Amino acid sequence: MKRIFIFSLFLVFCFIVSSQTYYPIVATGKLWSTYHNIVITFFSNYTKFEGDSTIDTYVYKKVWESYDTDTTSWMLYGLIRDDQKKVLFRYPGWNHDMLIYDFGAPVGDTMFLQIDSIPYIMDSISWVTLLDGTQRRQYFVHTDSFYPCSETWIEGIGSLRGVLGGGTCGFVGDDPKLICFTEHDTLKYHNPNFEECYVVTGTHESNANNDIKLFPNPANGLLNVFFNKPIQRDLVLEIFGIAGNKLLSITINYQKTTIPLNPAIFAPGSYFYRILGEGYTVKAGKLVVLGE
């Protein structure tokens, strides 16, 4: 009886320790795959955190994104850090952070998230079992501002809208979904609505997809379109705001095109682009615009 009592106390102790453990999002060795659906284009991208950057005594992880199936090419997308269970993100060139998660917020508390500081309410907190059998806290939040909606977060993984998708369900135009999450080469989450961790069917499968490059990205003032190989026809570059509103449509041709980004139209932040051929999307992805 004494052994059973001691063993029971041990189990209670382990549960208390487990319930007090915080699993941060901001760490290396993690890989997220996210699906995007913008206007009539859908695609997916990978996200990882790798490398440190210190700004005003704060240490950030560098945020990298890739739109290649084999993740051979990575783009610096921003900087991210964890501050007492608050996750803060900033774009390159910004002088301020924006809050995208607060895993320490109690139930009923209000959090002001993303660039527009949209108020979200922490509704409830429960537990979820990952594919490897481990358990993590699961958070349910909602907002009644602009477009009322709700989100699900998982500690150490982030929003089911993607790791950078915390506080974005009120935005129209894109409907991102987390496809897969891998930690130290172990698959811990896989969205059952997707067979693979990478979606390529939203773009025309041709060499042109890899032969066209937009740079710099992040962009500041000017955007260059470079063709590794000559093209036989004109293409159209379209840029959309996060709400899905078309901000630019321009014909591109030859081997290089330089496009000015009017600061009155392109404020600092995230945008989506697509390059159109004859009735199909040749290439699509995100574009980050920096401030002056």
C-alpha atoms as a PDB file:
ATOM      1  CA  MET A   1       0.000   0.000   0.000  1.00  0.00           C
ATOM      2  CA  LYS A   2       2.850   2.331   0.855  1.00  0.00           C
ATOM      3  CA  ARG A   3       4.462   1.703  -2.553  1.00  0.00           C
ATOM      4  CA  ILE A   4       1.180   2.458  -4.323  1.00  0.00           C
ATOM      5  CA  PHE A   5       0.851   5.681  -2.346  1.00  0.00           C
ATOM      6  CA  ILE A   6       4.406   6.757  -3.207  1.00  0.00           C
ATOM      7  CA  PHE A   7       3.883   5.888  -6.873  1.00  0.00           C
ATOM      8  CA  SER A   8       0.641   7.913  -6.917  1.00  0.00           C
ATOM      9  CA  LEU A   9       2.453  10.888  -5.427  1.00  0.00           C
ATOM     10  CA  PHE A  10       5.138  10.509  -8.096  1.00  0.00           C
ATOM     11  CA  LEU A  11       2.518  10.584 -10.870  1.00  0.00           C
ATOM     12  CA  VAL A  12       0.918  13.689  -9.366  1.00  0.00           C
ATOM     13  CA  PHE A  13       4.333  15.335  -9.135  1.00  0.00           C
ATOM     14  CA  CYS A  14       5.090  14.502 -12.785  1.00  0.00           C
ATOM     15  CA  PHE A  15       1.742  15.936 -13.868  1.00  0.00           C
ATOM     16  CA  ILE A  16       2.339  19.156 -11.924  1.00  0.00           C
ATOM     17  CA  VAL A  17       5.826  19.541 -13.438  1.00  0.00           C
ATOM     18  CA  SER A  18       4.468  18.834 -16.925  1.00  0.00           C
ATOM     19  CA  SER A  19       1.636  21.325 -16.512  1.00  0.00           C
ATOM     20  CA  GLN A  20       4.111  23.998 -15.439  1.00  0.00           C
ATOM     21  CA  THR A  21       6.522  23.424 -18.336  1.00  0.00           C
ATOM     22  CA  TYR A  22       6.392  26.090 -21.031  1.00  0.00           C
ATOM     23  CA  TYR A  23       7.307  25.061 -24.581  1.00  0.00           C
ATOM     24  CA  PRO A  24       8.434  28.167 -26.480  1.00  0.00           C
ATOM     25  CA  ILE A  25       7.784  28.700 -30.178  1.00  0.00           C
ATOM     26  CA  VAL A  26      11.026  30.588 -30.686  1.00  0.00           C
ATOM     27  CA  ALA A  27      13.650  27.856 -31.020  1.00  0.00           C
ATOM     28  CA  THR A  28      15.803  26.257 -33.684  1.00  0.00           C
ATOM     29  CA  GLY A  29      15.208  22.785 -35.049  1.00  0.00           C
ATOM     30  CA  LYS A  30      11.585  23.516 -35.974  1.00  0.00           C
ATOM     31  CA  LEU A  31       9.986  23.585 -39.418  1.00  0.00           C
ATOM     32  CA  TRP A  32       6.475  24.740 -40.323  1.00  0.00           C
ATOM     33  CA  SER A  33       4.655  24.229 -43.629  1.00  0.00           C
ATOM     34  CA  THR A  34       1.730  26.580 -44.272  1.00  0.00           C
ATOM     35  CA  TYR A  35      -0.953  26.653 -46.970  1.00  0.00           C
ATOM     36  CA  HIS A  36      -2.095  30.013 -48.394  1.00  0.00           C
ATOM     37  CA  ASN A  37      -5.162  30.811 -50.462  1.00  0.00           C
ATOM     38  CA  ILE A  38      -4.994  34.342 -51.868  1.00  0.00           C
ATOM     39  CA  VAL A  39      -7.493  35.491 -54.501  1.00  0.00           C
ATOM     40  CA  ILE A  40      -7.457  32.605 -57.042  1.00  0.00           C
ATOM     41  CA  THR A  41      -3.944  31.433 -56.219  1.00  0.00           C
ATOM     42  CA  PHE A  42      -2.987  28.846 -53.614  1.00  0.00           C
ATOM     43  CA  PHE A  43       0.481  27.753 -52.579  1.00  0.00           C
ATOM     44  CA  SER A  44       2.492  26.716 -49.548  1.00  0.00           C
ATOM     45  CA  ASN A  45       5.743  27.745 -47.923  1.00  0.00           C
ATOM     46  CA  TYR A  46       8.138  26.607 -45.230  1.00  0.00           C
ATOM     47  CA  THR A  47       9.183  28.657 -42.186  1.00  0.00           C
ATOM     48  CA  LYS A  48      12.103  28.147 -39.827  1.00  0.00           C
ATOM     49  CA  PHE A  49      13.986  30.112 -37.152  1.00  0.00           C
ATOM     50  CA  GLU A  50      17.743  30.054 -37.469  1.00  0.00           C
ATOM     51  CA  GLY A  51      20.505  32.445 -36.373  1.00  0.00           C
ATOM     52  CA  ASP A  52      20.506  35.188 -33.757  1.00  0.00           C
ATOM     53  CA  SER A  53      20.287  38.954 -34.039  1.00  0.00           C
ATOM     54  CA  THR A  54      20.638  41.385 -31.126  1.00  0.00           C
ATOM     55  CA  ILE A  55      18.768  44.703 -31.189  1.00  0.00           C
ATOM     56  CA  ASP A  56      18.676  47.052 -28.165  1.00  0.00           C
ATOM     57  CA  THR A  57      19.890  44.219 -25.885  1.00  0.00           C
ATOM     58  CA  TYR A  58      17.056  41.907 -27.059  1.00  0.00           C
ATOM     59  CA  VAL A  59      18.051  38.653 -28.754  1.00  0.00           C
ATOM     60  CA  TYR A  60      15.900  37.621 -31.730  1.00  0.00           C
ATOM     61  CA  LYS A  61      15.827  34.543 -33.904  1.00  0.00           C
ATOM     62  CA  LYS A  62      15.918  35.180 -37.643  1.00  0.00           C
ATOM     63  CA  VAL A  63      12.770  34.080 -39.473  1.00  0.00           C
ATOM     64  CA  TRP A  64      13.362  32.414 -42.849  1.00  0.00           C
ATOM     65  CA  GLU A  65      10.824  31.377 -45.485  1.00  0.00           C
ATOM     66  CA  SER A  66      11.169  29.096 -48.496  1.00  0.00           C
ATOM     67  CA  TYR A  67       8.828  28.496 -51.419  1.00  0.00           C
ATOM     68  CA  ASP A  68      10.801  25.573 -52.859  1.00  0.00           C
ATOM     69  CA  THR A  69       9.701  21.955 -52.475  1.00  0.00           C
ATOM     70  CA  ASP A  70      13.292  21.022 -51.593  1.00  0.00           C
ATOM     71  CA  THR A  71      13.875  24.134 -49.393  1.00  0.00           C
ATOM     72  CA  THR A  72      17.091  25.048 -51.212  1.00  0.00           C
ATOM     73  CA  SER A  73      16.399  28.796 -51.285  1.00  0.00           C
ATOM     74  CA  TRP A  74      15.501  30.773 -48.157  1.00  0.00           C
ATOM     75  CA  MET A  75      14.385  34.396 -47.761  1.00  0.00           C
ATOM     76  CA  LEU A  76      14.929  36.427 -44.573  1.00  0.00           C
ATOM     77  CA  TYR A  77      11.377  37.309 -43.563  1.00  0.00           C
ATOM     78  CA  GLY A  78      11.761  38.933 -40.148  1.00  0.00           C
ATOM     79  CA  LEU A  79      12.881  38.623 -36.546  1.00  0.00           C
ATOM     80  CA  ILE A  80      11.104  36.944 -33.624  1.00  0.00           C
ATOM     81  CA  ARG A  81      11.609  36.657 -29.868  1.00  0.00           C
ATOM     82  CA  ASP A  82       9.913  35.258 -26.779  1.00  0.00           C
ATOM     83  CA  ASP A  83       9.421  37.552 -23.773  1.00  0.00           C
ATOM     84  CA  GLN A  84       7.833  35.802 -20.802  1.00  0.00           C
ATOM     85  CA  LYS A  85       5.406  33.775 -22.962  1.00  0.00           C
ATOM     86  CA  LYS A  86       4.719  36.750 -25.236  1.00  0.00           C
ATOM     87  CA  VAL A  87       5.897  36.205 -28.819  1.00  0.00           C
ATOM     88  CA  LEU A  88       6.965  39.369 -30.635  1.00  0.00           C
ATOM     89  CA  PHE A  89       7.735  39.733 -34.334  1.00  0.00           C
ATOM     90  CA  ARG A  90       9.199  42.499 -36.455  1.00  0.00           C
ATOM     91  CA  TYR A  91       9.943  42.862 -40.145  1.00  0.00           C
ATOM     92  CA  PRO A  92      13.509  43.635 -41.253  1.00  0.00           C
ATOM     93  CA  GLY A  93      14.162  47.355 -40.996  1.00  0.00           C
ATOM     94  CA  TRP A  94      11.395  47.977 -38.451  1.00  0.00           C
ATOM     95  CA  ASN A  95      12.208  49.785 -35.208  1.00  0.00           C
ATOM     96  CA  HIS A  96       9.366  48.172 -33.229  1.00  0.00           C
ATOM     97  CA  ASP A  97       7.855  44.779 -32.453  1.00  0.00           C
ATOM     98  CA  MET A  98       4.284  43.579 -32.765  1.00  0.00           C
ATOM     99  CA  LEU A  99       2.669  41.015 -30.480  1.00  0.00           C
ATOM    100  CA  ILE A 100       1.474  37.870 -32.275  1.00  0.00           C
ATOM    101  CA  TYR A 101       0.933  35.536 -29.262  1.00  0.00           C
ATOM    102  CA  ASP A 102       0.486  35.722 -25.507  1.00  0.00           C
ATOM    103  CA  PHE A 103       0.634  32.216 -24.071  1.00  0.00           C
ATOM    104  CA  GLY A 104       0.591  33.612 -20.551  1.00  0.00           C
ATOM    105  CA  ALA A 105      -2.738  35.401 -20.862  1.00  0.00           C
ATOM    106  CA  PRO A 106      -5.377  34.060 -18.430  1.00  0.00           C
ATOM    107  CA  VAL A 107      -8.833  33.030 -19.610  1.00  0.00           C
ATOM    108  CA  GLY A 108     -10.964  36.120 -20.222  1.00  0.00           C
ATOM    109  CA  ASP A 109      -7.973  38.406 -20.782  1.00  0.00           C
ATOM    110  CA  THR A 110      -7.697  40.718 -23.823  1.00  0.00           C
ATOM    111  CA  MET A 111      -4.611  40.675 -26.080  1.00  0.00           C
ATOM    112  CA  PHE A 112      -3.856  43.265 -28.766  1.00  0.00           C
ATOM    113  CA  LEU A 113      -2.267  41.399 -31.650  1.00  0.00           C
ATOM    114  CA  GLN A 114      -0.592  42.046 -34.994  1.00  0.00           C
ATOM    115  CA  ILE A 115       0.195  45.359 -36.688  1.00  0.00           C
ATOM    116  CA  ASP A 116      -3.304  46.786 -36.203  1.00  0.00           C
ATOM    117  CA  SER A 117      -3.402  45.828 -32.484  1.00  0.00           C
ATOM    118  CA  ILE A 118      -6.649  43.901 -32.900  1.00  0.00           C
ATOM    119  CA  PRO A 119      -8.202  42.874 -29.554  1.00  0.00           C
ATOM    120  CA  TYR A 120      -8.449  39.103 -29.055  1.00  0.00           C
ATOM    121  CA  ILE A 121     -10.026  37.369 -26.052  1.00  0.00           C
ATOM    122  CA  MET A 122      -8.542  34.254 -24.436  1.00  0.00           C
ATOM    123  CA  ASP A 123     -11.585  31.961 -24.335  1.00  0.00           C
ATOM    124  CA  SER A 124     -10.287  28.702 -22.877  1.00  0.00           C
ATOM    125  CA  ILE A 125      -7.213  26.516 -22.435  1.00  0.00           C
ATOM    126  CA  SER A 126      -7.121  22.723 -22.740  1.00  0.00           C
ATOM    127  CA  TRP A 127      -4.690  19.955 -23.727  1.00  0.00           C
ATOM    128  CA  VAL A 128      -3.989  18.284 -27.069  1.00  0.00           C
ATOM    129  CA  THR A 129      -1.958  15.155 -27.876  1.00  0.00           C
ATOM    130  CA  LEU A 130       0.581  15.521 -30.686  1.00  0.00           C
ATOM    131  CA  LEU A 131       1.554  12.823 -33.184  1.00  0.00           C
ATOM    132  CA  ASP A 132       4.546  11.774 -31.068  1.00  0.00           C
ATOM    133  CA  GLY A 133       2.298  11.174 -28.046  1.00  0.00           C
ATOM    134  CA  THR A 134       3.365  14.259 -26.091  1.00  0.00           C
ATOM    135  CA  GLN A 135       0.819  16.715 -24.759  1.00  0.00           C
ATOM    136  CA  ARG A 136       0.766  20.476 -25.187  1.00  0.00           C
ATOM    137  CA  ARG A 137      -1.560  23.217 -24.039  1.00  0.00           C
ATOM    138  CA  GLN A 138      -4.154  24.275 -26.596  1.00  0.00           C
ATOM    139  CA  TYR A 139      -5.526  27.816 -26.567  1.00  0.00           C
ATOM    140  CA  PHE A 140      -8.811  29.051 -28.021  1.00  0.00           C
ATOM    141  CA  VAL A 141      -9.083  32.774 -28.785  1.00  0.00           C
ATOM    142  CA  HIS A 142     -11.506  34.982 -30.689  1.00  0.00           C
ATOM    143  CA  THR A 143     -12.062  38.564 -31.815  1.00  0.00           C
ATOM    144  CA  ASP A 144     -15.248  40.514 -32.453  1.00  0.00           C
ATOM    145  CA  SER A 145     -13.457  43.346 -34.268  1.00  0.00           C
ATOM    146  CA  PHE A 146     -13.736  43.916 -38.029  1.00  0.00           C
ATOM    147  CA  TYR A 147     -14.476  40.293 -39.016  1.00  0.00           C
ATOM    148  CA  PRO A 148     -15.465  38.209 -35.958  1.00  0.00           C
ATOM    149  CA  CYS A 149     -13.550  34.927 -35.955  1.00  0.00           C
ATOM    150  CA  SER A 150     -11.682  32.450 -33.778  1.00  0.00           C
ATOM    151  CA  GLU A 151      -8.262  30.804 -33.723  1.00  0.00           C
ATOM    152  CA  THR A 152      -6.646  27.735 -32.155  1.00  0.00           C
ATOM    153  CA  TRP A 153      -3.081  27.918 -30.845  1.00  0.00           C
ATOM    154  CA  ILE A 154      -0.832  25.092 -29.651  1.00  0.00           C
ATOM    155  CA  GLU A 155       2.016  25.821 -27.262  1.00  0.00           C
ATOM    156  CA  GLY A 156       5.397  25.422 -28.943  1.00  0.00           C
ATOM    157  CA  ILE A 157       3.787  25.272 -32.406  1.00  0.00           C
ATOM    158  CA  GLY A 158       1.650  28.385 -32.795  1.00  0.00           C
ATOM    159  CA  SER A 159      -1.589  29.046 -34.611  1.00  0.00           C
ATOM    160  CA  LEU A 160      -3.266  26.471 -36.825  1.00  0.00           C
ATOM    161  CA  ARG A 161      -3.150  29.318 -39.375  1.00  0.00           C
ATOM    162  CA  GLY A 162       0.643  29.050 -39.442  1.00  0.00           C
ATOM    163  CA  VAL A 163       3.370  30.013 -37.010  1.00  0.00           C
ATOM    164  CA  LEU A 164       3.157  33.715 -37.974  1.00  0.00           C
ATOM    165  CA  GLY A 165      -0.639  33.596 -38.163  1.00  0.00           C
ATOM    166  CA  GLY A 166      -1.473  34.453 -34.558  1.00  0.00           C
ATOM    167  CA  GLY A 167      -4.071  37.231 -34.554  1.00  0.00           C
ATOM    168  CA  THR A 168      -4.777  37.135 -38.300  1.00  0.00           C
ATOM    169  CA  CYS A 169      -8.144  35.387 -38.585  1.00  0.00           C
ATOM    170  CA  GLY A 170      -9.824  38.800 -38.843  1.00  0.00           C
ATOM    171  CA  PHE A 171      -7.996  39.508 -42.096  1.00  0.00           C
ATOM    172  CA  VAL A 172      -9.752  38.628 -45.331  1.00  0.00           C
ATOM    173  CA  GLY A 173      -8.016  37.763 -48.577  1.00  0.00           C
ATOM    174  CA  ASP A 174      -5.857  34.899 -47.326  1.00  0.00           C
ATOM    175  CA  ASP A 175      -7.007  31.766 -45.517  1.00  0.00           C
ATOM    176  CA  PRO A 176      -3.771  30.169 -44.269  1.00  0.00           C
ATOM    177  CA  LYS A 177      -3.678  26.729 -42.678  1.00  0.00           C
ATOM    178  CA  LEU A 178      -0.837  24.952 -40.926  1.00  0.00           C
ATOM    179  CA  ILE A 179      -0.093  21.777 -42.908  1.00  0.00           C
ATOM    180  CA  CYS A 180       2.796  20.218 -40.987  1.00  0.00           C
ATOM    181  CA  PHE A 181       5.031  20.918 -38.024  1.00  0.00           C
ATOM    182  CA  THR A 182       8.322  19.095 -37.491  1.00  0.00           C
ATOM    183  CA  GLU A 183      10.628  19.431 -34.495  1.00  0.00           C
ATOM    184  CA  HIS A 184      14.150  17.963 -34.674  1.00  0.00           C
ATOM    185  CA  ASP A 185      13.076  15.853 -37.676  1.00  0.00           C
ATOM    186  CA  THR A 186      10.071  14.431 -35.786  1.00  0.00           C
ATOM    187  CA  LEU A 187       6.646  15.091 -37.318  1.00  0.00           C
ATOM    188  CA  LYS A 188       4.414  16.325 -34.493  1.00  0.00           C
ATOM    189  CA  TYR A 189       1.464  17.815 -36.386  1.00  0.00           C
ATOM    190  CA  HIS A 190      -0.054  17.004 -39.782  1.00  0.00           C
ATOM    191  CA  ASN A 191      -3.288  18.598 -40.967  1.00  0.00           C
ATOM    192  CA  PRO A 192      -5.508  15.676 -42.042  1.00  0.00           C
ATOM    193  CA  ASN A 193      -6.943  17.789 -44.888  1.00  0.00           C
ATOM    194  CA  PHE A 194      -3.601  17.612 -46.744  1.00  0.00           C
ATOM    195  CA  GLU A 195      -1.882  14.483 -48.012  1.00  0.00           C
ATOM    196  CA  GLU A 196       1.560  16.077 -48.310  1.00  0.00           C
ATOM    197  CA  CYS A 197       3.373  18.787 -46.371  1.00  0.00           C
ATOM    198  CA  TYR A 198       3.810  20.930 -49.490  1.00  0.00           C
ATOM    199  CA  VAL A 199       1.137  22.123 -51.946  1.00  0.00           C
ATOM    200  CA  VAL A 200       2.201  22.926 -55.506  1.00  0.00           C
ATOM    201  CA  THR A 201      -1.069  22.624 -57.430  1.00  0.00           C
ATOM    202  CA  GLY A 202      -1.807  26.340 -57.204  1.00  0.00           C
ATOM    203  CA  THR A 203       0.891  27.172 -59.752  1.00  0.00           C
ATOM    204  CA  HIS A 204       1.630  25.994 -63.251  1.00  0.00           C
ATOM    205  CA  GLU A 205       4.263  23.270 -63.098  1.00  0.00           C
ATOM    206  CA  SER A 206       6.953  24.559 -65.421  1.00  0.00           C
ATOM    207  CA  ASN A 207      10.572  25.584 -65.291  1.00  0.00           C
ATOM    208  CA  ALA A 208       9.423  29.197 -65.301  1.00  0.00           C
ATOM    209  CA  ASN A 209       8.495  28.846 -61.629  1.00  0.00           C
ATOM    210  CA  ASN A 210      12.151  28.546 -60.651  1.00  0.00           C
ATOM    211  CA  ASP A 211      13.515  30.730 -63.444  1.00  0.00           C
ATOM    212  CA  ILE A 212      11.845  33.926 -62.205  1.00  0.00           C
ATOM    213  CA  LYS A 213      13.152  35.745 -59.149  1.00  0.00           C
ATOM    214  CA  LEU A 214      11.843  38.801 -57.304  1.00  0.00           C
ATOM    215  CA  PHE A 215      14.466  40.742 -55.359  1.00  0.00           C
ATOM    216  CA  PRO A 216      15.159  42.222 -52.972  1.00  0.00           C
ATOM    217  CA  ASN A 217      12.567  40.658 -50.733  1.00  0.00           C
ATOM    218  CA  PRO A 218      12.092  42.428 -48.332  1.00  0.00           C
ATOM    219  CA  ALA A 219      11.895  45.349 -50.772  1.00  0.00           C
ATOM    220  CA  ASN A 220      12.435  49.025 -50.127  1.00  0.00           C
ATOM    221  CA  GLY A 221      11.399  51.416 -52.873  1.00  0.00           C
ATOM    222  CA  LEU A 222      12.261  49.238 -55.879  1.00  0.00           C
ATOM    223  CA  LEU A 223      11.433  45.659 -56.819  1.00  0.00           C
ATOM    224  CA  ASN A 224      13.385  43.789 -59.472  1.00  0.00           C
ATOM    225  CA  VAL A 225      12.091  40.874 -61.529  1.00  0.00           C
ATOM    226  CA  PHE A 226      14.857  38.759 -63.009  1.00  0.00           C
ATOM    227  CA  PHE A 227      14.523  35.971 -65.574  1.00  0.00           C
ATOM    228  CA  ASN A 228      17.213  33.297 -65.603  1.00  0.00           C
ATOM    229  CA  LYS A 229      16.093  32.342 -69.097  1.00  0.00           C
ATOM    230  CA  PRO A 230      14.542  34.457 -71.889  1.00  0.00           C
ATOM    231  CA  ILE A 231      10.750  34.281 -72.045  1.00  0.00           C
ATOM    232  CA  GLN A 232       8.768  34.044 -75.252  1.00  0.00           C
ATOM    233  CA  ARG A 233       5.740  36.011 -74.083  1.00  0.00           C
ATOM    234  CA  ASP A 234       4.721  38.801 -71.743  1.00  0.00           C
ATOM    235  CA  LEU A 235       3.747  37.960 -68.162  1.00  0.00           C
ATOM    236  CA  VAL A 236       1.735  39.962 -65.650  1.00  0.00           C
ATOM    237  CA  LEU A 237       2.863  40.720 -62.099  1.00  0.00           C
ATOM    238  CA  GLU A 238       0.060  41.395 -59.615  1.00  0.00           C
ATOM    239  CA  ILE A 239       0.519  42.494 -55.996  1.00  0.00           C
ATOM    240  CA  PHE A 240      -2.267  42.248 -53.421  1.00  0.00           C
ATOM    241  CA  GLY A 241      -2.776  43.610 -49.932  1.00  0.00           C
ATOM    242  CA  ILE A 242      -3.372  41.235 -47.037  1.00  0.00           C
ATOM    243  CA  ALA A 243      -7.131  41.856 -47.432  1.00  0.00           C
ATOM    244  CA  GLY A 244      -6.993  40.613 -51.027  1.00  0.00           C
ATOM    245  CA  ASN A 245      -7.251  44.020 -52.681  1.00  0.00           C
ATOM    246  CA  LYS A 246      -5.218  44.336 -55.882  1.00  0.00           C
ATOM    247  CA  LEU A 247      -2.676  47.154 -55.556  1.00  0.00           C
ATOM    248  CA  LEU A 248      -0.602  46.707 -58.699  1.00  0.00           C
ATOM    249  CA  SER A 249      -0.883  44.974 -62.058  1.00  0.00           C
ATOM    250  CA  ILE A 250       1.989  45.414 -64.502  1.00  0.00           C
ATOM    251  CA  THR A 251       3.285  43.638 -67.593  1.00  0.00           C
ATOM    252  CA  ILE A 252       6.793  42.221 -67.263  1.00  0.00           C
ATOM    253  CA  ASN A 253       9.071  41.012 -70.032  1.00  0.00           C
ATOM    254  CA  TYR A 254      12.688  40.868 -71.230  1.00  0.00           C
ATOM    255  CA  GLN A 255      15.280  39.588 -68.793  1.00  0.00           C
ATOM    256  CA  LYS A 256      14.914  42.147 -66.044  1.00  0.00           C
ATOM    257  CA  THR A 257      12.229  44.587 -64.967  1.00  0.00           C
ATOM    258  CA  THR A 258      12.566  47.250 -62.279  1.00  0.00           C
ATOM    259  CA  ILE A 259       9.302  48.256 -60.619  1.00  0.00           C
ATOM    260  CA  PRO A 260       8.983  51.271 -58.288  1.00  0.00           C
ATOM    261  CA  LEU A 261       6.841  50.656 -55.205  1.00  0.00           C
ATOM    262  CA  ASN A 262       4.919  53.827 -54.426  1.00  0.00           C
ATOM    263  CA  PRO A 263       5.143  54.387 -50.621  1.00  0.00           C
ATOM    264  CA  ALA A 264       1.687  55.988 -50.721  1.00  0.00           C
ATOM    265  CA  ILE A 265       0.333  52.586 -51.808  1.00  0.00           C
ATOM    266  CA  PHE A 266       2.825  50.152 -50.318  1.00  0.00           C
ATOM    267  CA  ALA A 267       3.118  50.888 -46.617  1.00  0.00           C
ATOM    268  CA  PRO A 268       5.559  48.728 -44.618  1.00  0.00           C
ATOM    269  CA  GLY A 269       4.152  45.240 -44.153  1.00  0.00           C
ATOM    270  CA  SER A 270       3.284  41.966 -45.886  1.00  0.00           C
ATOM    271  CA  TYR A 271       1.804  41.548 -49.353  1.00  0.00           C
ATOM    272  CA  PHE A 272       1.097  38.708 -51.755  1.00  0.00           C
ATOM    273  CA  TYR A 273       2.189  38.519 -55.363  1.00  0.00           C
ATOM    274  CA  ARG A 274       1.506  36.314 -58.335  1.00  0.00           C
ATOM    275  CA  ILE A 275       2.960  36.187 -61.832  1.00  0.00           C
ATOM    276  CA  LEU A 276       0.432  35.197 -64.476  1.00  0.00           C
ATOM    277  CA  GLY A 277       0.986  33.456 -67.790  1.00  0.00           C
ATOM    278  CA  GLU A 278      -1.773  32.658 -70.253  1.00  0.00           C
ATOM    279  CA  GLY A 279      -4.552  31.691 -67.880  1.00  0.00           C
ATOM    280  CA  TYR A 280      -2.418  30.194 -65.122  1.00  0.00           C
ATOM    281  CA  THR A 281      -0.194  31.277 -62.245  1.00  0.00           C
ATOM    282  CA  VAL A 282       3.505  30.858 -62.995  1.00  0.00           C
ATOM    283  CA  LYS A 283       4.766  31.886 -59.571  1.00  0.00           C
ATOM    284  CA  ALA A 284       3.222  33.139 -56.306  1.00  0.00           C
ATOM    285  CA  GLY A 285       4.392  34.070 -52.849  1.00  0.00           C
ATOM    286  CA  LYS A 286       4.794  36.720 -50.171  1.00  0.00           C
ATOM    287  CA  LEU A 287       6.422  40.108 -50.539  1.00  0.00           C
ATOM    288  CA  VAL A 288       7.625  42.189 -47.602  1.00  0.00           C
ATOM    289  CA  VAL A 289       7.909  45.958 -48.034  1.00  0.00           C
ATOM    290  CA  LEU A 290      10.119  47.961 -45.682  1.00  0.00           C
ATOM    291  CA  GLY A 291       9.735  51.550 -44.548  1.00  0.00           C
ATOM    292  CA  GLU A 292      12.070  54.366 -45.380  1.00  0.00           C
END
